[in-house]
Amino acid sequence: MYVQKNQPQTPSCDERGDLQHGRGPAALLTRLHTEERGDVPGWVMITLMSAVLVAGLLAIAQPALQGLFSDAIDQVSR
């Protein structure tokens, strides 16, 4: 059987039980306040690149989109 490495682990039965019985919030807060930040700079870069891509496409396609919108409104208002 093939098992992929680096997969996120689902909570074990004990962890699920802890969360259900009210013992989990303290453990959860402890885990949230670790120094691990994940890949925040990567996500920020992806978000910025996506925003720039959308802005660039909008700048190129804006006249055509305005024409389509105007034609559609003219047809509806006739």
PDB file of N, CA and C in Angstrom:
ATOM      1  N   MET A   1       0.843  -1.178   0.000  1.00  0.00           N
ATOM      2  CA  MET A   1       0.000   0.000   0.000  1.00  0.00           C
ATOM      3  C   MET A   1       0.889   1.241   0.000  1.00  0.00           C
ATOM      4  N   TYR A   2       0.558   2.222  -0.816  1.00  0.00           N
ATOM      5  CA  TYR A   2       1.335   3.450  -0.932  1.00  0.00           C
ATOM      6  C   TYR A   2       0.787   4.492   0.038  1.00  0.00           C
ATOM      7  N   VAL A   3       1.657   5.069   0.843  1.00  0.00           N
ATOM      8  CA  VAL A   3       1.258   6.103   1.794  1.00  0.00           C
ATOM      9  C   VAL A   3       2.031   7.363   1.451  1.00  0.00           C
ATOM     10  N   GLN A   4       1.308   8.465   1.255  1.00  0.00           N
ATOM     11  CA  GLN A   4       1.972   9.721   0.947  1.00  0.00           C
ATOM     12  C   GLN A   4       2.555  10.313   2.219  1.00  0.00           C
ATOM     13  N   LYS A   5       3.738  10.891   2.079  1.00  0.00           N
ATOM     14  CA  LYS A   5       4.374  11.541   3.218  1.00  0.00           C
ATOM     15  C   LYS A   5       3.875  12.977   3.315  1.00  0.00           C
ATOM     16  N   ASN A   6       4.042  13.562   4.464  1.00  0.00           N
ATOM     17  CA  ASN A   6       3.715  14.960   4.735  1.00  0.00           C
ATOM     18  C   ASN A   6       2.235  15.271   4.580  1.00  0.00           C
ATOM     19  N   GLN A   7       1.381  14.296   4.815  1.00  0.00           N
ATOM     20  CA  GLN A   7      -0.045  14.570   4.796  1.00  0.00           C
ATOM     21  C   GLN A   7      -0.455  15.090   6.161  1.00  0.00           C
ATOM     22  N   PRO A   8      -1.405  16.036   6.200  1.00  0.00           N
ATOM     23  CA  PRO A   8      -1.873  16.495   7.500  1.00  0.00           C
ATOM     24  C   PRO A   8      -2.555  15.356   8.242  1.00  0.00           C
ATOM     25  N   GLN A   9      -2.284  15.251   9.492  1.00  0.00           N
ATOM     26  CA  GLN A   9      -2.837  14.186  10.306  1.00  0.00           C
ATOM     27  C   GLN A   9      -4.220  14.581  10.803  1.00  0.00           C
ATOM     28  N   THR A  10      -5.144  13.655  10.756  1.00  0.00           N
ATOM     29  CA  THR A  10      -6.445  13.894  11.364  1.00  0.00           C
ATOM     30  C   THR A  10      -6.310  13.661  12.856  1.00  0.00           C
ATOM     31  N   PRO A  11      -7.130  14.332  13.650  1.00  0.00           N
ATOM     32  CA  PRO A  11      -7.016  14.143  15.094  1.00  0.00           C
ATOM     33  C   PRO A  11      -7.249  12.691  15.474  1.00  0.00           C
ATOM     34  N   SER A  12      -6.489  12.213  16.440  1.00  0.00           N
ATOM     35  CA  SER A  12      -6.682  10.852  16.921  1.00  0.00           C
ATOM     36  C   SER A  12      -7.950  10.792  17.755  1.00  0.00           C
ATOM     37  N   CYS A  13      -8.348   9.600  18.112  1.00  0.00           N
ATOM     38  CA  CYS A  13      -9.548   9.430  18.932  1.00  0.00           C
ATOM     39  C   CYS A  13      -9.413  10.186  20.241  1.00  0.00           C
ATOM     40  N   ASP A  14      -8.195  10.166  20.828  1.00  0.00           N
ATOM     41  CA  ASP A  14      -7.994  10.866  22.094  1.00  0.00           C
ATOM     42  C   ASP A  14      -8.170  12.367  21.923  1.00  0.00           C
ATOM     43  N   GLU A  15      -7.608  12.937  20.829  1.00  0.00           N
ATOM     44  CA  GLU A  15      -7.746  14.370  20.597  1.00  0.00           C
ATOM     45  C   GLU A  15      -9.197  14.739  20.355  1.00  0.00           C
ATOM     46  N   ARG A  16      -9.921  13.926  19.597  1.00  0.00           N
ATOM     47  CA  ARG A  16     -11.335  14.207  19.369  1.00  0.00           C
ATOM     48  C   ARG A  16     -12.095  14.169  20.690  1.00  0.00           C
ATOM     49  N   GLY A  17     -11.779  13.183  21.514  1.00  0.00           N
ATOM     50  CA  GLY A  17     -12.429  13.087  22.813  1.00  0.00           C
ATOM     51  C   GLY A  17     -12.109  14.284  23.685  1.00  0.00           C
ATOM     52  N   ASP A  18     -10.860  14.745  23.637  1.00  0.00           N
ATOM     53  CA  ASP A  18     -10.484  15.918  24.417  1.00  0.00           C
ATOM     54  C   ASP A  18     -11.277  17.137  23.981  1.00  0.00           C
ATOM     55  N   LEU A  19     -11.442  17.310  22.673  1.00  0.00           N
ATOM     56  CA  LEU A  19     -12.192  18.456  22.180  1.00  0.00           C
ATOM     57  C   LEU A  19     -13.658  18.356  22.564  1.00  0.00           C
ATOM     58  N   GLN A  20     -14.207  17.155  22.546  1.00  0.00           N
ATOM     59  CA  GLN A  20     -15.616  16.982  22.878  1.00  0.00           C
ATOM     60  C   GLN A  20     -15.869  17.161  24.368  1.00  0.00           C
ATOM     61  N   HIS A  21     -14.892  16.861  25.209  1.00  0.00           N
ATOM     62  CA  HIS A  21     -15.088  16.926  26.654  1.00  0.00           C
ATOM     63  C   HIS A  21     -14.541  18.210  27.261  1.00  0.00           C
ATOM     64  N   GLY A  22     -14.181  19.186  26.453  1.00  0.00           N
ATOM     65  CA  GLY A  22     -13.769  20.475  26.980  1.00  0.00           C
ATOM     66  C   GLY A  22     -12.316  20.568  27.404  1.00  0.00           C
ATOM     67  N   ARG A  23     -11.519  19.539  27.197  1.00  0.00           N
ATOM     68  CA  ARG A  23     -10.107  19.604  27.569  1.00  0.00           C
ATOM     69  C   ARG A  23      -9.263  20.116  26.418  1.00  0.00           C
ATOM     70  N   GLY A  24      -9.854  20.254  25.246  1.00  0.00           N
ATOM     71  CA  GLY A  24      -9.097  20.588  24.053  1.00  0.00           C
ATOM     72  C   GLY A  24      -8.772  22.048  23.845  1.00  0.00           C
ATOM     73  N   PRO A  25      -9.599  22.992  24.288  1.00  0.00           N
ATOM     74  CA  PRO A  25      -9.292  24.392  23.978  1.00  0.00           C
ATOM     75  C   PRO A  25      -7.925  24.847  24.463  1.00  0.00           C
ATOM     76  N   ALA A  26      -7.514  24.429  25.647  1.00  0.00           N
ATOM     77  CA  ALA A  26      -6.191  24.833  26.143  1.00  0.00           C
ATOM     78  C   ALA A  26      -5.092  24.238  25.272  1.00  0.00           C
ATOM     79  N   ALA A  27      -5.255  22.979  24.899  1.00  0.00           N
ATOM     80  CA  ALA A  27      -4.258  22.346  24.033  1.00  0.00           C
ATOM     81  C   ALA A  27      -4.244  23.006  22.663  1.00  0.00           C
ATOM     82  N   LEU A  28      -5.417  23.366  22.175  1.00  0.00           N
ATOM     83  CA  LEU A  28      -5.503  24.028  20.872  1.00  0.00           C
ATOM     84  C   LEU A  28      -4.829  25.389  20.915  1.00  0.00           C
ATOM     85  N   LEU A  29      -5.075  26.159  21.966  1.00  0.00           N
ATOM     86  CA  LEU A  29      -4.437  27.473  22.090  1.00  0.00           C
ATOM     87  C   LEU A  29      -2.923  27.346  22.201  1.00  0.00           C
ATOM     88  N   THR A  30      -2.462  26.327  22.894  1.00  0.00           N
ATOM     89  CA  THR A  30      -1.020  26.101  22.997  1.00  0.00           C
ATOM     90  C   THR A  30      -0.430  25.832  21.624  1.00  0.00           C
ATOM     91  N   ARG A  31      -1.131  25.031  20.819  1.00  0.00           N
ATOM     92  CA  ARG A  31      -0.635  24.733  19.468  1.00  0.00           C
ATOM     93  C   ARG A  31      -0.691  25.957  18.566  1.00  0.00           C
ATOM     94  N   LEU A  32      -1.671  26.834  18.771  1.00  0.00           N
ATOM     95  CA  LEU A  32      -1.793  28.018  17.924  1.00  0.00           C
ATOM     96  C   LEU A  32      -0.718  29.055  18.226  1.00  0.00           C
ATOM     97  N   HIS A  33      -0.190  29.070  19.430  1.00  0.00           N
ATOM     98  CA  HIS A  33       0.795  30.076  19.818  1.00  0.00           C
ATOM     99  C   HIS A  33       2.232  29.601  19.645  1.00  0.00           C
ATOM    100  N   THR A  34       2.468  28.681  18.754  1.00  0.00           N
ATOM    101  CA  THR A  34       3.829  28.236  18.481  1.00  0.00           C
ATOM    102  C   THR A  34       4.483  29.198  17.499  1.00  0.00           C
ATOM    103  N   GLU A  35       5.755  29.035  17.307  1.00  0.00           N
ATOM    104  CA  GLU A  35       6.507  29.898  16.396  1.00  0.00           C
ATOM    105  C   GLU A  35       6.285  29.536  14.932  1.00  0.00           C
ATOM    106  N   GLU A  36       5.645  28.426  14.656  1.00  0.00           N
ATOM    107  CA  GLU A  36       5.397  27.987  13.282  1.00  0.00           C
ATOM    108  C   GLU A  36       4.424  28.938  12.604  1.00  0.00           C
ATOM    109  N   ARG A  37       4.842  29.556  11.520  1.00  0.00           N
ATOM    110  CA  ARG A  37       3.981  30.484  10.798  1.00  0.00           C
ATOM    111  C   ARG A  37       3.527  29.919   9.465  1.00  0.00           C
ATOM    112  N   GLY A  38       4.027  28.791   9.086  1.00  0.00           N
ATOM    113  CA  GLY A  38       3.641  28.226   7.806  1.00  0.00           C
ATOM    114  C   GLY A  38       4.298  28.981   6.672  1.00  0.00           C
ATOM    115  N   ASP A  39       3.650  29.007   5.543  1.00  0.00           N
ATOM    116  CA  ASP A  39       4.202  29.640   4.351  1.00  0.00           C
ATOM    117  C   ASP A  39       3.473  30.951   4.074  1.00  0.00           C
ATOM    118  N   VAL A  40       3.436  31.845   5.066  1.00  0.00           N
ATOM    119  CA  VAL A  40       2.731  33.114   4.915  1.00  0.00           C
ATOM    120  C   VAL A  40       3.308  33.941   3.766  1.00  0.00           C
ATOM    121  N   PRO A  41       4.625  34.130   3.658  1.00  0.00           N
ATOM    122  CA  PRO A  41       5.137  34.918   2.531  1.00  0.00           C
ATOM    123  C   PRO A  41       4.746  34.339   1.171  1.00  0.00           C
ATOM    124  N   GLY A  42       4.686  33.027   1.060  1.00  0.00           N
ATOM    125  CA  GLY A  42       4.263  32.412  -0.198  1.00  0.00           C
ATOM    126  C   GLY A  42       2.827  32.739  -0.532  1.00  0.00           C
ATOM    127  N   TRP A  43       1.945  32.667   0.465  1.00  0.00           N
ATOM    128  CA  TRP A  43       0.535  32.987   0.221  1.00  0.00           C
ATOM    129  C   TRP A  43       0.348  34.462  -0.102  1.00  0.00           C
ATOM    130  N   VAL A  44       1.117  35.323   0.541  1.00  0.00           N
ATOM    131  CA  VAL A  44       1.034  36.754   0.238  1.00  0.00           C
ATOM    132  C   VAL A  44       1.462  36.994  -1.204  1.00  0.00           C
ATOM    133  N   MET A  45       2.530  36.337  -1.637  1.00  0.00           N
ATOM    134  CA  MET A  45       3.007  36.500  -3.011  1.00  0.00           C
ATOM    135  C   MET A  45       1.971  35.996  -4.008  1.00  0.00           C
ATOM    136  N   ILE A  46       1.358  34.860  -3.738  1.00  0.00           N
ATOM    137  CA  ILE A  46       0.327  34.325  -4.638  1.00  0.00           C
ATOM    138  C   ILE A  46      -0.849  35.284  -4.722  1.00  0.00           C
ATOM    139  N   THR A  47      -1.263  35.841  -3.583  1.00  0.00           N
ATOM    140  CA  THR A  47      -2.385  36.778  -3.569  1.00  0.00           C
ATOM    141  C   THR A  47      -2.057  38.033  -4.368  1.00  0.00           C
ATOM    142  N   LEU A  48      -0.876  38.580  -4.163  1.00  0.00           N
ATOM    143  CA  LEU A  48      -0.484  39.783  -4.903  1.00  0.00           C
ATOM    144  C   LEU A  48      -0.366  39.513  -6.397  1.00  0.00           C
ATOM    145  N   MET A  49       0.213  38.376  -6.759  1.00  0.00           N
ATOM    146  CA  MET A  49       0.338  38.045  -8.180  1.00  0.00           C
ATOM    147  C   MET A  49      -1.038  37.869  -8.815  1.00  0.00           C
ATOM    148  N   SER A  50      -1.967  37.269  -8.095  1.00  0.00           N
ATOM    149  CA  SER A  50      -3.325  37.100  -8.621  1.00  0.00           C
ATOM    150  C   SER A  50      -3.995  38.450  -8.818  1.00  0.00           C
ATOM    151  N   ALA A  51      -3.830  39.355  -7.854  1.00  0.00           N
ATOM    152  CA  ALA A  51      -4.428  40.685  -7.968  1.00  0.00           C
ATOM    153  C   ALA A  51      -3.846  41.449  -9.158  1.00  0.00           C
ATOM    154  N   VAL A  52      -2.546  41.351  -9.353  1.00  0.00           N
ATOM    155  CA  VAL A  52      -1.906  42.029 -10.492  1.00  0.00           C
ATOM    156  C   VAL A  52      -2.391  41.429 -11.806  1.00  0.00           C
ATOM    157  N   LEU A  53      -2.533  40.123 -11.860  1.00  0.00           N
ATOM    158  CA  LEU A  53      -3.022  39.461 -13.068  1.00  0.00           C
ATOM    159  C   LEU A  53      -4.444  39.905 -13.402  1.00  0.00           C
ATOM    160  N   VAL A  54      -5.314  39.953 -12.400  1.00  0.00           N
ATOM    161  CA  VAL A  54      -6.697  40.390 -12.625  1.00  0.00           C
ATOM    162  C   VAL A  54      -6.722  41.848 -13.071  1.00  0.00           C
ATOM    163  N   ALA A  55      -5.927  42.703 -12.443  1.00  0.00           N
ATOM    164  CA  ALA A  55      -5.887  44.114 -12.826  1.00  0.00           C
ATOM    165  C   ALA A  55      -5.383  44.278 -14.265  1.00  0.00           C
ATOM    166  N   GLY A  56      -4.380  43.503 -14.634  1.00  0.00           N
ATOM    167  CA  GLY A  56      -3.869  43.571 -16.005  1.00  0.00           C
ATOM    168  C   GLY A  56      -4.887  43.111 -17.028  1.00  0.00           C
ATOM    169  N   LEU A  57      -5.561  42.002 -16.745  1.00  0.00           N
ATOM    170  CA  LEU A  57      -6.598  41.520 -17.666  1.00  0.00           C
ATOM    171  C   LEU A  57      -7.752  42.503 -17.766  1.00  0.00           C
ATOM    172  N   LEU A  58      -8.123  43.106 -16.647  1.00  0.00           N
ATOM    173  CA  LEU A  58      -9.209  44.084 -16.670  1.00  0.00           C
ATOM    174  C   LEU A  58      -8.819  45.312 -17.488  1.00  0.00           C
ATOM    175  N   ALA A  59      -7.574  45.757 -17.362  1.00  0.00           N
ATOM    176  CA  ALA A  59      -7.120  46.918 -18.132  1.00  0.00           C
ATOM    177  C   ALA A  59      -7.165  46.633 -19.626  1.00  0.00           C
ATOM    178  N   ILE A  60      -6.833  45.405 -20.012  1.00  0.00           N
ATOM    179  CA  ILE A  60      -6.839  45.045 -21.430  1.00  0.00           C
ATOM    180  C   ILE A  60      -8.262  44.849 -21.944  1.00  0.00           C
ATOM    181  N   ALA A  61      -9.104  44.194 -21.151  1.00  0.00           N
ATOM    182  CA  ALA A  61     -10.439  43.807 -21.618  1.00  0.00           C
ATOM    183  C   ALA A  61     -11.523  44.823 -21.289  1.00  0.00           C
ATOM    184  N   GLN A  62     -11.215  45.883 -20.558  1.00  0.00           N
ATOM    185  CA  GLN A  62     -12.248  46.820 -20.123  1.00  0.00           C
ATOM    186  C   GLN A  62     -13.043  47.434 -21.278  1.00  0.00           C
ATOM    187  N   PRO A  63     -12.425  47.909 -22.353  1.00  0.00           N
ATOM    188  CA  PRO A  63     -13.232  48.475 -23.442  1.00  0.00           C
ATOM    189  C   PRO A  63     -14.200  47.457 -24.054  1.00  0.00           C
ATOM    190  N   ALA A  64     -13.743  46.235 -24.236  1.00  0.00           N
ATOM    191  CA  ALA A  64     -14.616  45.208 -24.803  1.00  0.00           C
ATOM    192  C   ALA A  64     -15.754  44.872 -23.846  1.00  0.00           C
ATOM    193  N   LEU A  65     -15.457  44.790 -22.563  1.00  0.00           N
ATOM    194  CA  LEU A  65     -16.499  44.495 -21.577  1.00  0.00           C
ATOM    195  C   LEU A  65     -17.516  45.628 -21.484  1.00  0.00           C
ATOM    196  N   GLN A  66     -17.050  46.866 -21.572  1.00  0.00           N
ATOM    197  CA  GLN A  66     -17.980  47.998 -21.549  1.00  0.00           C
ATOM    198  C   GLN A  66     -18.880  47.978 -22.775  1.00  0.00           C
ATOM    199  N   GLY A  67     -18.318  47.623 -23.925  1.00  0.00           N
ATOM    200  CA  GLY A  67     -19.125  47.523 -25.135  1.00  0.00           C
ATOM    201  C   GLY A  67     -20.169  46.431 -25.030  1.00  0.00           C
ATOM    202  N   LEU A  68     -19.789  45.271 -24.512  1.00  0.00           N
ATOM    203  CA  LEU A  68     -20.752  44.185 -24.320  1.00  0.00           C
ATOM    204  C   LEU A  68     -21.863  44.593 -23.366  1.00  0.00           C
ATOM    205  N   PHE A  69     -21.505  45.251 -22.281  1.00  0.00           N
ATOM    206  CA  PHE A  69     -22.500  45.683 -21.306  1.00  0.00           C
ATOM    207  C   PHE A  69     -23.452  46.708 -21.918  1.00  0.00           C
ATOM    208  N   SER A  70     -22.904  47.673 -22.646  1.00  0.00           N
ATOM    209  CA  SER A  70     -23.747  48.695 -23.280  1.00  0.00           C
ATOM    210  C   SER A  70     -24.697  48.077 -24.294  1.00  0.00           C
ATOM    211  N   ASP A  71     -24.202  47.148 -25.105  1.00  0.00           N
ATOM    212  CA  ASP A  71     -25.060  46.468 -26.082  1.00  0.00           C
ATOM    213  C   ASP A  71     -26.165  45.684 -25.394  1.00  0.00           C
ATOM    214  N   ALA A  72     -25.846  45.006 -24.311  1.00  0.00           N
ATOM    215  CA  ALA A  72     -26.854  44.222 -23.588  1.00  0.00           C
ATOM    216  C   ALA A  72     -27.917  45.126 -22.985  1.00  0.00           C
ATOM    217  N   ILE A  73     -27.511  46.242 -22.404  1.00  0.00           N
ATOM    218  CA  ILE A  73     -28.482  47.175 -21.819  1.00  0.00           C
ATOM    219  C   ILE A  73     -29.352  47.784 -22.909  1.00  0.00           C
ATOM    220  N   ASP A  74     -28.756  48.115 -24.060  1.00  0.00           N
ATOM    221  CA  ASP A  74     -29.536  48.674 -25.169  1.00  0.00           C
ATOM    222  C   ASP A  74     -30.580  47.686 -25.662  1.00  0.00           C
ATOM    223  N   GLN A  75     -30.224  46.404 -25.756  1.00  0.00           N
ATOM    224  CA  GLN A  75     -31.178  45.392 -26.218  1.00  0.00           C
ATOM    225  C   GLN A  75     -32.308  45.190 -25.216  1.00  0.00           C
ATOM    226  N   VAL A  76     -32.015  45.256 -23.948  1.00  0.00           N
ATOM    227  CA  VAL A  76     -33.044  45.061 -22.923  1.00  0.00           C
ATOM    228  C   VAL A  76     -33.979  46.259 -22.873  1.00  0.00           C
ATOM    229  N   SER A  77     -33.451  47.452 -23.061  1.00  0.00           N
ATOM    230  CA  SER A  77     -34.272  48.661 -22.929  1.00  0.00           C
ATOM    231  C   SER A  77     -35.096  48.970 -24.172  1.00  0.00           C
ATOM    232  N   ARG A  78     -34.921  48.243 -25.253  1.00  0.00           N
ATOM    233  CA  ARG A  78     -35.719  48.491 -26.462  1.00  0.00           C
ATOM    234  C   ARG A  78     -37.107  47.972 -26.325  1.00  0.00           C
TER     235      ARG A  78
END
